[in-house]
Amino acid sequence: MDDPKDITKAFADDAVKVVQESQKVAVDAFQKINKVVPNKPITFTAGDAIRSMADLAKIAGEVVDPSRTLPRVLLGGLAATAVLYLALNAAFLQVLPLERIAASNLVAADVMDSLVGARGAALVAGLALLVVLASLNGNVFVTPRVLFGLARDGLAPAALARVNAGGTPWVAIVRPKAERRSA
């Protein structure tokens, strides 16, 4: 199993299994949280963060020593997400009562409103929008890398492996978007 393709595929398969099991644990945890705060997770859902970790499999072919690097990234990312999630919720609970958190649409903005006023709330709402845009940017540019990797390995049309002078797989970026427009 020294072939990088085999290692990448094995890691991707294992990553999918880990994500599926993590999703089950996250769903169970949030069902318990929702008993305390009905239909309102306190901040973002950790399940969404865990599911997004599967995106690492999309770039496995681009990573040096993926069998060593990707598990570290997955475990480190999961640990950092859990610590940040718990710390943010602890901070939010120090500022706002549970009832106000349960009724909030954007808890972080409500916390800032309580601490520094409406300008702080507007700043947090703007930052939330920036995070959404950054996430979209990641999805737009990572997915073509999958097509490029498949083509480079002979598993997709060779045209998708074409790169421009800067090394960008321009066909893999442009073609799926053109197909979506014609659909």
N, C-alpha and C. Protein backbone atom coordinates (compact mmCIF):
# COMPACT_ATOMS: atom_id res chain seq x y z
N MET A 1 0.84 -1.19 0.00
CA MET A 1 0.00 0.00 0.00
C MET A 1 0.88 1.25 0.00
N ASP A 2 1.98 1.21 -0.76
CA ASP A 2 2.87 2.36 -0.84
C ASP A 2 2.45 3.35 -1.91
N ASP A 3 1.50 2.97 -2.75
CA ASP A 3 1.05 3.86 -3.81
C ASP A 3 0.28 5.02 -3.18
N PRO A 4 0.65 6.28 -3.51
CA PRO A 4 -0.05 7.43 -2.93
C PRO A 4 -1.56 7.40 -3.18
N LYS A 5 -1.99 6.87 -4.33
CA LYS A 5 -3.42 6.79 -4.63
C LYS A 5 -4.12 5.87 -3.63
N ASP A 6 -3.48 4.72 -3.33
CA ASP A 6 -4.06 3.77 -2.37
C ASP A 6 -4.13 4.38 -0.97
N ILE A 7 -3.05 5.07 -0.58
CA ILE A 7 -3.02 5.70 0.74
C ILE A 7 -4.10 6.77 0.83
N THR A 8 -4.21 7.58 -0.21
CA THR A 8 -5.22 8.65 -0.22
C THR A 8 -6.62 8.07 -0.16
N LYS A 9 -6.88 7.02 -0.94
CA LYS A 9 -8.21 6.41 -0.94
C LYS A 9 -8.52 5.79 0.42
N ALA A 10 -7.54 5.09 0.99
CA ALA A 10 -7.75 4.48 2.31
C ALA A 10 -8.02 5.55 3.37
N PHE A 11 -7.26 6.64 3.30
CA PHE A 11 -7.48 7.71 4.26
C PHE A 11 -8.85 8.34 4.06
N ALA A 12 -9.23 8.58 2.82
CA ALA A 12 -10.54 9.18 2.54
C ALA A 12 -11.65 8.27 3.06
N ASP A 13 -11.52 6.96 2.84
CA ASP A 13 -12.53 6.02 3.35
C ASP A 13 -12.61 6.07 4.87
N ASP A 14 -11.43 6.07 5.51
CA ASP A 14 -11.41 6.15 6.98
C ASP A 14 -11.98 7.48 7.46
N ALA A 15 -11.66 8.57 6.76
CA ALA A 15 -12.17 9.89 7.15
C ALA A 15 -13.69 9.92 7.08
N VAL A 16 -14.25 9.32 6.03
CA VAL A 16 -15.70 9.27 5.90
C VAL A 16 -16.32 8.52 7.08
N LYS A 17 -15.72 7.39 7.45
CA LYS A 17 -16.23 6.61 8.60
C LYS A 17 -16.16 7.42 9.89
N VAL A 18 -15.02 8.11 10.10
CA VAL A 18 -14.87 8.92 11.31
C VAL A 18 -15.91 10.04 11.33
N VAL A 19 -16.10 10.69 10.20
CA VAL A 19 -17.09 11.78 10.12
C VAL A 19 -18.49 11.25 10.39
N GLN A 20 -18.83 10.10 9.82
CA GLN A 20 -20.17 9.54 10.04
C GLN A 20 -20.39 9.21 11.51
N GLU A 21 -19.39 8.62 12.17
CA GLU A 21 -19.52 8.32 13.59
C GLU A 21 -19.58 9.60 14.41
N SER A 22 -18.77 10.59 14.03
CA SER A 22 -18.78 11.87 14.74
C SER A 22 -20.12 12.56 14.61
N GLN A 23 -20.73 12.45 13.42
CA GLN A 23 -22.04 13.04 13.21
C GLN A 23 -23.07 12.41 14.15
N LYS A 24 -23.00 11.10 14.32
CA LYS A 24 -23.94 10.42 15.22
C LYS A 24 -23.77 10.96 16.65
N VAL A 25 -22.52 11.10 17.09
CA VAL A 25 -22.25 11.62 18.42
C VAL A 25 -22.74 13.06 18.54
N ALA A 26 -22.47 13.88 17.52
CA ALA A 26 -22.89 15.28 17.55
C ALA A 26 -24.41 15.40 17.57
N VAL A 27 -25.09 14.60 16.76
CA VAL A 27 -26.55 14.64 16.73
C VAL A 27 -27.10 14.27 18.10
N ASP A 28 -26.54 13.23 18.72
CA ASP A 28 -26.99 12.83 20.05
C ASP A 28 -26.76 13.95 21.07
N ALA A 29 -25.60 14.59 20.99
CA ALA A 29 -25.30 15.68 21.93
C ALA A 29 -26.26 16.84 21.73
N PHE A 30 -26.55 17.19 20.48
CA PHE A 30 -27.44 18.33 20.24
C PHE A 30 -28.89 18.00 20.56
N GLN A 31 -29.27 16.73 20.47
CA GLN A 31 -30.61 16.36 20.92
C GLN A 31 -30.72 16.58 22.42
N LYS A 32 -29.66 16.28 23.14
CA LYS A 32 -29.66 16.52 24.59
C LYS A 32 -29.68 18.03 24.88
N ILE A 33 -28.90 18.81 24.13
CA ILE A 33 -28.89 20.26 24.32
C ILE A 33 -30.28 20.84 24.02
N ASN A 34 -30.91 20.34 22.97
CA ASN A 34 -32.22 20.88 22.59
C ASN A 34 -33.30 20.59 23.62
N LYS A 35 -33.07 19.63 24.50
CA LYS A 35 -34.01 19.41 25.59
C LYS A 35 -33.95 20.56 26.58
N VAL A 36 -32.75 21.16 26.71
CA VAL A 36 -32.57 22.30 27.62
C VAL A 36 -32.95 23.59 26.91
N VAL A 37 -32.49 23.76 25.67
CA VAL A 37 -32.76 24.96 24.88
C VAL A 37 -33.47 24.49 23.61
N PRO A 38 -34.80 24.36 23.63
CA PRO A 38 -35.52 23.77 22.51
C PRO A 38 -35.27 24.49 21.19
N ASN A 39 -34.88 23.71 20.17
CA ASN A 39 -34.73 24.17 18.79
C ASN A 39 -33.74 25.30 18.59
N LYS A 40 -32.88 25.56 19.54
CA LYS A 40 -31.90 26.63 19.40
C LYS A 40 -30.54 26.18 19.93
N PRO A 41 -29.68 25.61 19.08
CA PRO A 41 -28.32 25.39 19.56
C PRO A 41 -27.73 26.75 19.96
N ILE A 42 -26.87 26.76 20.94
CA ILE A 42 -26.41 28.02 21.51
C ILE A 42 -25.64 28.86 20.50
N THR A 43 -24.73 28.29 19.73
CA THR A 43 -24.04 29.07 18.70
C THR A 43 -24.20 28.32 17.39
N PHE A 44 -23.13 28.01 16.71
CA PHE A 44 -23.20 27.20 15.50
C PHE A 44 -23.31 25.75 15.89
N THR A 45 -23.70 24.90 14.98
CA THR A 45 -23.79 23.48 15.34
C THR A 45 -22.44 22.82 15.13
N ALA A 46 -21.99 22.11 16.14
CA ALA A 46 -20.73 21.39 16.03
C ALA A 46 -20.84 20.32 14.95
N GLY A 47 -22.05 19.82 14.72
CA GLY A 47 -22.25 18.83 13.66
C GLY A 47 -21.84 19.39 12.31
N ASP A 48 -22.15 20.67 12.05
CA ASP A 48 -21.74 21.30 10.80
C ASP A 48 -20.22 21.38 10.71
N ALA A 49 -19.58 21.70 11.81
CA ALA A 49 -18.12 21.77 11.81
C ALA A 49 -17.52 20.40 11.55
N ILE A 50 -18.10 19.37 12.15
CA ILE A 50 -17.59 18.01 11.96
C ILE A 50 -17.80 17.57 10.52
N ARG A 51 -18.99 17.84 9.97
CA ARG A 51 -19.25 17.43 8.58
C ARG A 51 -18.30 18.14 7.61
N SER A 52 -17.95 19.37 7.90
CA SER A 52 -17.07 20.08 6.98
C SER A 52 -15.66 19.51 6.97
N MET A 53 -15.31 18.73 7.99
CA MET A 53 -13.98 18.13 8.03
C MET A 53 -13.80 17.12 6.90
N ALA A 54 -14.91 16.60 6.37
CA ALA A 54 -14.80 15.67 5.25
C ALA A 54 -14.20 16.37 4.03
N ASP A 55 -14.25 17.69 4.00
CA ASP A 55 -13.66 18.43 2.89
C ASP A 55 -12.15 18.23 2.82
N LEU A 56 -11.54 17.83 3.94
CA LEU A 56 -10.10 17.56 3.91
C LEU A 56 -9.77 16.44 2.93
N ALA A 57 -10.69 15.49 2.78
CA ALA A 57 -10.45 14.39 1.84
C ALA A 57 -10.32 14.92 0.42
N LYS A 58 -10.95 16.06 0.13
CA LYS A 58 -10.87 16.64 -1.21
C LYS A 58 -9.47 17.09 -1.56
N ILE A 59 -8.69 17.45 -0.56
CA ILE A 59 -7.34 17.94 -0.86
C ILE A 59 -6.26 16.95 -0.47
N ALA A 60 -6.64 15.72 -0.15
CA ALA A 60 -5.66 14.73 0.30
C ALA A 60 -4.55 14.51 -0.72
N GLY A 61 -4.88 14.58 -2.00
CA GLY A 61 -3.88 14.38 -3.04
C GLY A 61 -2.89 15.52 -3.13
N GLU A 62 -3.19 16.66 -2.54
CA GLU A 62 -2.33 17.84 -2.59
C GLU A 62 -1.39 17.93 -1.38
N VAL A 63 -1.60 17.07 -0.40
CA VAL A 63 -0.89 17.15 0.87
C VAL A 63 0.35 16.26 0.84
N VAL A 64 1.44 16.78 1.37
CA VAL A 64 2.65 16.00 1.51
C VAL A 64 2.44 15.03 2.67
N ASP A 65 2.71 13.75 2.45
CA ASP A 65 2.57 12.70 3.45
C ASP A 65 1.18 12.71 4.08
N PRO A 66 0.13 12.46 3.26
CA PRO A 66 -1.24 12.56 3.77
C PRO A 66 -1.58 11.58 4.89
N SER A 67 -0.95 10.40 4.90
CA SER A 67 -1.28 9.44 5.95
C SER A 67 -0.79 9.92 7.32
N ARG A 68 0.15 10.82 7.35
CA ARG A 68 0.64 11.39 8.61
C ARG A 68 0.01 12.75 8.89
N THR A 69 -0.11 13.57 7.86
CA THR A 69 -0.56 14.95 8.04
C THR A 69 -2.06 15.06 8.28
N LEU A 70 -2.87 14.36 7.48
CA LEU A 70 -4.32 14.54 7.57
C LEU A 70 -4.91 14.09 8.92
N PRO A 71 -4.49 12.96 9.48
CA PRO A 71 -5.03 12.64 10.81
C PRO A 71 -4.71 13.71 11.85
N ARG A 72 -3.51 14.28 11.77
CA ARG A 72 -3.14 15.37 12.69
C ARG A 72 -4.04 16.58 12.49
N VAL A 73 -4.29 16.91 11.23
CA VAL A 73 -5.15 18.06 10.93
C VAL A 73 -6.57 17.79 11.41
N LEU A 74 -7.09 16.59 11.13
CA LEU A 74 -8.45 16.25 11.56
C LEU A 74 -8.59 16.30 13.08
N LEU A 75 -7.68 15.64 13.79
CA LEU A 75 -7.77 15.61 15.25
C LEU A 75 -7.50 16.98 15.86
N GLY A 76 -6.53 17.70 15.32
CA GLY A 76 -6.25 19.05 15.82
C GLY A 76 -7.41 19.99 15.56
N GLY A 77 -8.00 19.89 14.36
CA GLY A 77 -9.15 20.74 14.04
C GLY A 77 -10.35 20.43 14.91
N LEU A 78 -10.58 19.15 15.14
CA LEU A 78 -11.69 18.74 16.00
C LEU A 78 -11.48 19.23 17.43
N ALA A 79 -10.26 19.09 17.94
CA ALA A 79 -9.97 19.55 19.30
C ALA A 79 -10.11 21.07 19.41
N ALA A 80 -9.56 21.80 18.43
CA ALA A 80 -9.66 23.26 18.47
C ALA A 80 -11.11 23.71 18.37
N THR A 81 -11.89 23.06 17.50
CA THR A 81 -13.31 23.41 17.36
C THR A 81 -14.05 23.16 18.67
N ALA A 82 -13.80 22.04 19.31
CA ALA A 82 -14.47 21.73 20.57
C ALA A 82 -14.11 22.73 21.65
N VAL A 83 -12.83 23.07 21.76
CA VAL A 83 -12.39 24.03 22.79
C VAL A 83 -13.01 25.40 22.53
N LEU A 84 -12.96 25.88 21.29
CA LEU A 84 -13.54 27.18 20.97
C LEU A 84 -15.05 27.19 21.20
N TYR A 85 -15.71 26.12 20.80
CA TYR A 85 -17.15 26.01 20.98
C TYR A 85 -17.54 26.10 22.46
N LEU A 86 -16.86 25.33 23.29
CA LEU A 86 -17.15 25.34 24.72
C LEU A 86 -16.80 26.68 25.36
N ALA A 87 -15.67 27.26 24.98
CA ALA A 87 -15.27 28.55 25.54
C ALA A 87 -16.25 29.66 25.15
N LEU A 88 -16.66 29.68 23.88
CA LEU A 88 -17.63 30.69 23.44
C LEU A 88 -18.95 30.54 24.18
N ASN A 89 -19.42 29.33 24.31
CA ASN A 89 -20.70 29.13 25.00
C ASN A 89 -20.60 29.50 26.47
N ALA A 90 -19.48 29.19 27.10
CA ALA A 90 -19.29 29.59 28.50
C ALA A 90 -19.31 31.11 28.62
N ALA A 91 -18.63 31.79 27.69
CA ALA A 91 -18.62 33.25 27.71
C ALA A 91 -20.02 33.81 27.46
N PHE A 92 -20.73 33.25 26.49
CA PHE A 92 -22.08 33.72 26.19
C PHE A 92 -23.00 33.55 27.40
N LEU A 93 -22.87 32.43 28.08
CA LEU A 93 -23.71 32.17 29.25
C LEU A 93 -23.38 33.10 30.42
N GLN A 94 -22.16 33.65 30.44
CA GLN A 94 -21.81 34.62 31.48
C GLN A 94 -22.46 35.98 31.22
N VAL A 95 -22.74 36.28 29.95
CA VAL A 95 -23.27 37.59 29.58
C VAL A 95 -24.79 37.59 29.48
N LEU A 96 -25.36 36.55 28.87
CA LEU A 96 -26.80 36.51 28.62
C LEU A 96 -27.46 35.37 29.40
N PRO A 97 -28.69 35.59 29.84
CA PRO A 97 -29.42 34.47 30.47
C PRO A 97 -29.82 33.44 29.41
N LEU A 98 -30.00 32.21 29.83
CA LEU A 98 -30.33 31.12 28.93
C LEU A 98 -31.58 31.40 28.10
N GLU A 99 -32.57 32.05 28.70
CA GLU A 99 -33.82 32.34 27.98
C GLU A 99 -33.56 33.28 26.80
N ARG A 100 -32.68 34.27 26.99
CA ARG A 100 -32.38 35.21 25.90
C ARG A 100 -31.57 34.51 24.81
N ILE A 101 -30.67 33.62 25.21
CA ILE A 101 -29.90 32.85 24.23
C ILE A 101 -30.85 31.99 23.40
N ALA A 102 -31.80 31.35 24.06
CA ALA A 102 -32.75 30.47 23.36
C ALA A 102 -33.59 31.25 22.36
N ALA A 103 -33.86 32.51 22.63
CA ALA A 103 -34.71 33.32 21.75
C ALA A 103 -33.91 34.06 20.68
N SER A 104 -32.59 33.99 20.74
CA SER A 104 -31.74 34.78 19.85
C SER A 104 -31.55 34.13 18.48
N ASN A 105 -31.43 34.98 17.46
CA ASN A 105 -31.09 34.50 16.12
C ASN A 105 -29.58 34.52 15.89
N LEU A 106 -28.87 35.44 16.54
CA LEU A 106 -27.42 35.52 16.44
C LEU A 106 -26.88 35.87 17.82
N VAL A 107 -26.55 34.85 18.58
CA VAL A 107 -26.17 35.02 19.98
C VAL A 107 -24.96 35.93 20.13
N ALA A 108 -23.95 35.76 19.30
CA ALA A 108 -22.74 36.57 19.42
C ALA A 108 -23.06 38.06 19.26
N ALA A 109 -23.95 38.40 18.35
CA ALA A 109 -24.33 39.80 18.17
C ALA A 109 -25.08 40.31 19.40
N ASP A 110 -25.94 39.49 19.98
CA ASP A 110 -26.66 39.90 21.19
C ASP A 110 -25.69 40.10 22.36
N VAL A 111 -24.67 39.26 22.44
CA VAL A 111 -23.66 39.42 23.50
C VAL A 111 -22.93 40.75 23.31
N MET A 112 -22.50 41.03 22.09
CA MET A 112 -21.80 42.29 21.82
C MET A 112 -22.71 43.49 22.07
N ASP A 113 -23.99 43.35 21.72
CA ASP A 113 -24.94 44.43 21.99
C ASP A 113 -25.01 44.70 23.49
N SER A 114 -25.02 43.65 24.28
CA SER A 114 -25.07 43.81 25.74
C SER A 114 -23.78 44.42 26.28
N LEU A 115 -22.66 44.08 25.67
CA LEU A 115 -21.38 44.56 26.18
C LEU A 115 -21.00 45.95 25.71
N VAL A 116 -21.16 46.22 24.40
CA VAL A 116 -20.67 47.50 23.85
C VAL A 116 -21.71 48.27 23.04
N GLY A 117 -22.89 47.71 22.88
CA GLY A 117 -23.94 48.44 22.17
C GLY A 117 -24.17 47.95 20.76
N ALA A 118 -25.00 48.70 20.04
CA ALA A 118 -25.46 48.31 18.71
C ALA A 118 -24.32 48.21 17.70
N ARG A 119 -23.31 49.07 17.82
CA ARG A 119 -22.19 49.00 16.86
C ARG A 119 -21.44 47.66 16.99
N GLY A 120 -21.29 47.17 18.19
CA GLY A 120 -20.65 45.88 18.40
C GLY A 120 -21.47 44.76 17.79
N ALA A 121 -22.79 44.84 17.95
CA ALA A 121 -23.67 43.83 17.36
C ALA A 121 -23.58 43.86 15.83
N ALA A 122 -23.54 45.06 15.26
CA ALA A 122 -23.42 45.18 13.80
C ALA A 122 -22.08 44.62 13.32
N LEU A 123 -21.03 44.86 14.08
CA LEU A 123 -19.70 44.34 13.72
C LEU A 123 -19.72 42.81 13.70
N VAL A 124 -20.31 42.20 14.71
CA VAL A 124 -20.37 40.73 14.77
C VAL A 124 -21.22 40.19 13.63
N ALA A 125 -22.33 40.84 13.31
CA ALA A 125 -23.16 40.40 12.19
C ALA A 125 -22.37 40.48 10.89
N GLY A 126 -21.59 41.54 10.72
CA GLY A 126 -20.74 41.67 9.54
C GLY A 126 -19.67 40.59 9.48
N LEU A 127 -19.08 40.28 10.62
CA LEU A 127 -18.08 39.21 10.66
C LEU A 127 -18.71 37.86 10.34
N ALA A 128 -19.94 37.64 10.80
CA ALA A 128 -20.63 36.39 10.48
C ALA A 128 -20.83 36.26 8.97
N LEU A 129 -21.18 37.37 8.33
CA LEU A 129 -21.32 37.36 6.87
C LEU A 129 -19.98 37.08 6.20
N LEU A 130 -18.91 37.66 6.72
CA LEU A 130 -17.58 37.43 6.17
C LEU A 130 -17.19 35.95 6.28
N VAL A 131 -17.54 35.31 7.39
CA VAL A 131 -17.25 33.89 7.57
C VAL A 131 -18.00 33.05 6.53
N VAL A 132 -19.25 33.41 6.26
CA VAL A 132 -20.03 32.69 5.25
C VAL A 132 -19.37 32.85 3.88
N LEU A 133 -18.96 34.05 3.55
CA LEU A 133 -18.30 34.29 2.26
C LEU A 133 -16.98 33.52 2.16
N ALA A 134 -16.21 33.48 3.24
CA ALA A 134 -14.95 32.73 3.23
C ALA A 134 -15.21 31.24 3.04
N SER A 135 -16.27 30.74 3.65
CA SER A 135 -16.64 29.33 3.48
C SER A 135 -17.01 29.03 2.04
N LEU A 136 -17.80 29.92 1.44
CA LEU A 136 -18.16 29.74 0.03
C LEU A 136 -16.92 29.76 -0.85
N ASN A 137 -16.00 30.67 -0.55
CA ASN A 137 -14.76 30.76 -1.31
C ASN A 137 -14.00 29.44 -1.24
N GLY A 138 -13.92 28.85 -0.07
CA GLY A 138 -13.25 27.57 0.08
C GLY A 138 -13.90 26.49 -0.76
N ASN A 139 -15.22 26.43 -0.74
CA ASN A 139 -15.92 25.41 -1.52
C ASN A 139 -15.75 25.62 -3.02
N VAL A 140 -15.78 26.87 -3.45
CA VAL A 140 -15.64 27.16 -4.88
C VAL A 140 -14.26 26.73 -5.39
N PHE A 141 -13.22 26.92 -4.58
CA PHE A 141 -11.88 26.64 -5.07
C PHE A 141 -11.35 25.26 -4.71
N VAL A 142 -11.95 24.57 -3.76
CA VAL A 142 -11.48 23.22 -3.40
C VAL A 142 -12.07 22.18 -4.34
N THR A 143 -13.34 22.29 -4.67
CA THR A 143 -13.98 21.28 -5.51
C THR A 143 -13.28 21.10 -6.86
N PRO A 144 -12.88 22.16 -7.56
CA PRO A 144 -12.14 21.93 -8.81
C PRO A 144 -10.82 21.19 -8.62
N ARG A 145 -10.24 21.29 -7.44
CA ARG A 145 -9.00 20.54 -7.19
C ARG A 145 -9.27 19.04 -7.19
N VAL A 146 -10.47 18.65 -6.77
CA VAL A 146 -10.84 17.23 -6.81
C VAL A 146 -10.90 16.78 -8.27
N LEU A 147 -11.56 17.55 -9.10
CA LEU A 147 -11.65 17.21 -10.52
C LEU A 147 -10.25 17.16 -11.15
N PHE A 148 -9.42 18.13 -10.80
CA PHE A 148 -8.05 18.17 -11.30
C PHE A 148 -7.28 16.91 -10.87
N GLY A 149 -7.40 16.54 -9.60
CA GLY A 149 -6.71 15.35 -9.10
C GLY A 149 -7.19 14.08 -9.78
N LEU A 150 -8.50 13.98 -9.98
CA LEU A 150 -9.04 12.80 -10.68
C LEU A 150 -8.50 12.73 -12.10
N ALA A 151 -8.48 13.87 -12.80
CA ALA A 151 -7.97 13.88 -14.18
C ALA A 151 -6.48 13.57 -14.21
N ARG A 152 -5.74 14.12 -13.28
CA ARG A 152 -4.29 13.89 -13.22
C ARG A 152 -4.00 12.41 -13.02
N ASP A 153 -4.88 11.72 -12.25
CA ASP A 153 -4.69 10.29 -11.99
C ASP A 153 -5.36 9.41 -13.03
N GLY A 154 -5.91 10.01 -14.09
CA GLY A 154 -6.52 9.25 -15.17
C GLY A 154 -7.92 8.75 -14.87
N LEU A 155 -8.59 9.32 -13.87
CA LEU A 155 -9.92 8.88 -13.48
C LEU A 155 -11.02 9.82 -13.97
N ALA A 156 -10.64 10.87 -14.67
CA ALA A 156 -11.59 11.84 -15.24
C ALA A 156 -11.00 12.32 -16.57
N PRO A 157 -11.78 13.02 -17.38
CA PRO A 157 -11.25 13.50 -18.66
C PRO A 157 -9.95 14.29 -18.49
N ALA A 158 -8.99 14.01 -19.36
CA ALA A 158 -7.67 14.64 -19.27
C ALA A 158 -7.73 16.16 -19.35
N ALA A 159 -8.73 16.70 -20.03
CA ALA A 159 -8.85 18.15 -20.16
C ALA A 159 -8.96 18.83 -18.80
N LEU A 160 -9.52 18.15 -17.82
CA LEU A 160 -9.68 18.75 -16.50
C LEU A 160 -8.35 18.92 -15.77
N ALA A 161 -7.30 18.29 -16.27
CA ALA A 161 -5.97 18.42 -15.66
C ALA A 161 -5.15 19.55 -16.26
N ARG A 162 -5.70 20.27 -17.23
CA ARG A 162 -4.97 21.39 -17.84
C ARG A 162 -4.81 22.52 -16.83
N VAL A 163 -3.61 23.08 -16.80
CA VAL A 163 -3.35 24.22 -15.92
C VAL A 163 -2.83 25.39 -16.74
N ASN A 164 -3.04 26.60 -16.23
CA ASN A 164 -2.51 27.77 -16.92
C ASN A 164 -1.07 28.01 -16.49
N ALA A 165 -0.47 29.10 -16.93
CA ALA A 165 0.95 29.38 -16.63
C ALA A 165 1.20 29.50 -15.13
N GLY A 166 0.18 29.89 -14.37
CA GLY A 166 0.34 30.03 -12.92
C GLY A 166 0.09 28.74 -12.16
N GLY A 167 -0.28 27.66 -12.86
CA GLY A 167 -0.52 26.38 -12.21
C GLY A 167 -1.97 26.17 -11.77
N THR A 168 -2.87 27.06 -12.17
CA THR A 168 -4.28 26.94 -11.80
C THR A 168 -4.99 26.00 -12.76
N PRO A 169 -5.73 25.01 -12.24
CA PRO A 169 -6.47 24.10 -13.12
C PRO A 169 -7.72 24.78 -13.67
N TRP A 170 -7.52 25.65 -14.64
CA TRP A 170 -8.59 26.52 -15.11
C TRP A 170 -9.76 25.76 -15.74
N VAL A 171 -9.50 24.67 -16.41
CA VAL A 171 -10.60 23.90 -17.03
C VAL A 171 -11.48 23.28 -15.94
N ALA A 172 -10.85 22.78 -14.89
CA ALA A 172 -11.62 22.19 -13.80
C ALA A 172 -12.45 23.23 -13.06
N ILE A 173 -12.01 24.48 -13.09
CA ILE A 173 -12.78 25.56 -12.45
C ILE A 173 -13.91 26.02 -13.36
N VAL A 174 -13.64 26.21 -14.64
CA VAL A 174 -14.62 26.79 -15.57
C VAL A 174 -15.66 25.78 -16.02
N ARG A 175 -15.27 24.57 -16.33
CA ARG A 175 -16.20 23.60 -16.91
C ARG A 175 -17.40 23.27 -16.02
N PRO A 176 -17.22 22.93 -14.74
CA PRO A 176 -18.40 22.62 -13.92
C PRO A 176 -19.36 23.80 -13.81
N LYS A 177 -18.81 25.02 -13.78
CA LYS A 177 -19.68 26.20 -13.68
C LYS A 177 -20.48 26.38 -14.97
N ALA A 178 -19.85 26.11 -16.11
CA ALA A 178 -20.56 26.22 -17.39
C ALA A 178 -21.66 25.16 -17.50
N GLU A 179 -21.37 23.95 -16.99
CA GLU A 179 -22.38 22.88 -17.03
C GLU A 179 -23.55 23.23 -16.11
N ARG A 180 -23.28 23.88 -14.98
CA ARG A 180 -24.38 24.27 -14.07
C ARG A 180 -25.27 25.32 -14.72
N ARG A 181 -24.66 26.25 -15.48
CA ARG A 181 -25.45 27.29 -16.14
C ARG A 181 -26.35 26.71 -17.22
N SER A 182 -25.88 25.66 -17.91
CA SER A 182 -26.67 25.10 -19.00
C SER A 182 -27.74 24.14 -18.49
N ALA A 183 -27.62 23.70 -17.25
CA ALA A 183 -28.59 22.73 -16.70
C ALA A 183 -29.90 23.39 -16.33
